[in-house]
Amino acid sequence: MKLIGRLSGANILDSEYKAEAAVLRLVKKNDYKPEVLYWDDGSLITVLTGAAVDPVNHRLIAGGVVERHFIVCDISRAKL
């Protein structure tokens, strides 16, 4: 319900209004079963709408339509 609150009316650009965010990965060899690549309680980013993985530098870059910033995560310990 926090996400709906963030996306409604005056809260859409209010960076103080937090909601959970996640990046899911769908792996073909696992019959596209969703895997959580990134999850945040809203303290770093809310309303993620796009993400990209850099497998060479082991980074996840993600951002959201209603956010003024993006995140860059070290995923060197993830099994890609």
C-alpha atoms as a PDB file:
ATOM      1  CA  MET A   1       0.000   0.000   0.000  1.00  0.00           C
ATOM      2  CA  LYS A   2       2.962   2.342   0.453  1.00  0.00           C
ATOM      3  CA  LEU A   3       3.634   2.153  -3.274  1.00  0.00           C
ATOM      4  CA  ILE A   4       0.110   3.255  -4.107  1.00  0.00           C
ATOM      5  CA  GLY A   5       0.511   6.119  -1.652  1.00  0.00           C
ATOM      6  CA  ARG A   6       3.766   7.208  -3.266  1.00  0.00           C
ATOM      7  CA  LEU A   7       2.294   7.153  -6.762  1.00  0.00           C
ATOM      8  CA  SER A   8      -0.825   9.114  -5.885  1.00  0.00           C
ATOM      9  CA  GLY A   9      -1.293  12.840  -6.050  1.00  0.00           C
ATOM     10  CA  ALA A  10       1.060  15.108  -4.143  1.00  0.00           C
ATOM     11  CA  ASN A  11       3.351  12.275  -2.995  1.00  0.00           C
ATOM     12  CA  ILE A  12       4.669  11.354  -6.440  1.00  0.00           C
ATOM     13  CA  LEU A  13       7.746  13.579  -6.172  1.00  0.00           C
ATOM     14  CA  ASP A  14       8.010  13.500  -2.380  1.00  0.00           C
ATOM     15  CA  SER A  15      11.287  11.667  -1.734  1.00  0.00           C
ATOM     16  CA  GLU A  16      10.441  11.497   1.977  1.00  0.00           C
ATOM     17  CA  TYR A  17       7.554   9.112   1.196  1.00  0.00           C
ATOM     18  CA  LYS A  18       9.219   5.678   1.119  1.00  0.00           C
ATOM     19  CA  ALA A  19       8.071   2.387  -0.408  1.00  0.00           C
ATOM     20  CA  GLU A  20       9.811  -0.915  -1.018  1.00  0.00           C
ATOM     21  CA  ALA A  21      11.635  -1.551  -4.286  1.00  0.00           C
ATOM     22  CA  ALA A  22      12.937  -4.696  -5.956  1.00  0.00           C
ATOM     23  CA  VAL A  23      14.654  -5.928  -9.095  1.00  0.00           C
ATOM     24  CA  LEU A  24      13.650  -9.393 -10.226  1.00  0.00           C
ATOM     25  CA  ARG A  25      15.550 -11.599 -12.634  1.00  0.00           C
ATOM     26  CA  LEU A  26      13.802 -14.142 -14.860  1.00  0.00           C
ATOM     27  CA  VAL A  27      16.175 -16.955 -15.812  1.00  0.00           C
ATOM     28  CA  LYS A  28      15.238 -18.962 -18.901  1.00  0.00           C
ATOM     29  CA  LYS A  29      16.979 -22.168 -17.738  1.00  0.00           C
ATOM     30  CA  ASN A  30      14.911 -22.046 -14.534  1.00  0.00           C
ATOM     31  CA  ASP A  31      11.644 -21.809 -16.516  1.00  0.00           C
ATOM     32  CA  TYR A  32      11.599 -18.032 -15.868  1.00  0.00           C
ATOM     33  CA  LYS A  33      11.128 -18.468 -12.126  1.00  0.00           C
ATOM     34  CA  PRO A  34      11.646 -15.004 -10.539  1.00  0.00           C
ATOM     35  CA  GLU A  35      14.813 -14.435  -8.508  1.00  0.00           C
ATOM     36  CA  VAL A  36      15.322 -11.354  -6.358  1.00  0.00           C
ATOM     37  CA  LEU A  37      18.477  -9.562  -7.519  1.00  0.00           C
ATOM     38  CA  TYR A  38      17.937  -6.454  -5.389  1.00  0.00           C
ATOM     39  CA  TRP A  39      15.529  -5.463  -2.632  1.00  0.00           C
ATOM     40  CA  ASP A  40      15.349  -2.239  -0.679  1.00  0.00           C
ATOM     41  CA  ASP A  41      13.025  -1.157   2.107  1.00  0.00           C
ATOM     42  CA  GLY A  42      12.724   2.273   0.530  1.00  0.00           C
ATOM     43  CA  SER A  43      15.675   3.819   2.323  1.00  0.00           C
ATOM     44  CA  LEU A  44      17.742   4.098  -0.891  1.00  0.00           C
ATOM     45  CA  ILE A  45      15.196   4.148  -3.682  1.00  0.00           C
ATOM     46  CA  THR A  46      11.462   3.791  -4.284  1.00  0.00           C
ATOM     47  CA  VAL A  47       9.495   2.784  -7.385  1.00  0.00           C
ATOM     48  CA  LEU A  48      12.201   1.111  -9.452  1.00  0.00           C
ATOM     49  CA  THR A  49      11.180   1.017 -13.097  1.00  0.00           C
ATOM     50  CA  GLY A  50      14.312  -0.116 -14.876  1.00  0.00           C
ATOM     51  CA  ALA A  51      17.569  -1.909 -14.207  1.00  0.00           C
ATOM     52  CA  ALA A  52      20.609  -3.143 -16.094  1.00  0.00           C
ATOM     53  CA  VAL A  53      23.353  -5.557 -15.096  1.00  0.00           C
ATOM     54  CA  ASP A  54      26.978  -5.009 -16.064  1.00  0.00           C
ATOM     55  CA  PRO A  55      28.447  -8.539 -15.841  1.00  0.00           C
ATOM     56  CA  VAL A  56      31.992  -7.337 -16.571  1.00  0.00           C
ATOM     57  CA  ASN A  57      32.209  -4.831 -13.711  1.00  0.00           C
ATOM     58  CA  HIS A  58      29.678  -6.685 -11.537  1.00  0.00           C
ATOM     59  CA  ARG A  59      27.312  -3.776 -11.085  1.00  0.00           C
ATOM     60  CA  LEU A  60      23.553  -3.388 -11.041  1.00  0.00           C
ATOM     61  CA  ILE A  61      22.321   0.034 -12.142  1.00  0.00           C
ATOM     62  CA  ALA A  62      18.681   0.870 -11.447  1.00  0.00           C
ATOM     63  CA  GLY A  63      16.414   3.871 -11.421  1.00  0.00           C
ATOM     64  CA  GLY A  64      12.829   4.959 -11.245  1.00  0.00           C
ATOM     65  CA  VAL A  65      10.575   7.274 -13.184  1.00  0.00           C
ATOM     66  CA  VAL A  66       9.631   9.290 -10.096  1.00  0.00           C
ATOM     67  CA  GLU A  67      13.101   9.355  -8.497  1.00  0.00           C
ATOM     68  CA  ARG A  68      15.684  12.098  -8.921  1.00  0.00           C
ATOM     69  CA  HIS A  69      18.580   9.655  -8.606  1.00  0.00           C
ATOM     70  CA  PHE A  70      19.601   6.113  -9.458  1.00  0.00           C
ATOM     71  CA  ILE A  71      21.513   3.386  -7.609  1.00  0.00           C
ATOM     72  CA  VAL A  72      24.645   1.458  -8.490  1.00  0.00           C
ATOM     73  CA  CYS A  73      25.116  -1.805  -6.570  1.00  0.00           C
ATOM     74  CA  ASP A  74      28.115  -4.110  -6.300  1.00  0.00           C
ATOM     75  CA  ILE A  75      26.843  -7.567  -7.242  1.00  0.00           C
ATOM     76  CA  SER A  76      30.210  -9.302  -7.376  1.00  0.00           C
ATOM     77  CA  ARG A  77      28.995 -11.934  -4.904  1.00  0.00           C
ATOM     78  CA  ALA A  78      25.871 -12.746  -6.950  1.00  0.00           C
ATOM     79  CA  LYS A  79      25.763 -15.820  -9.171  1.00  0.00           C
ATOM     80  CA  LEU A  80      25.036 -14.438 -12.620  1.00  0.00           C
END
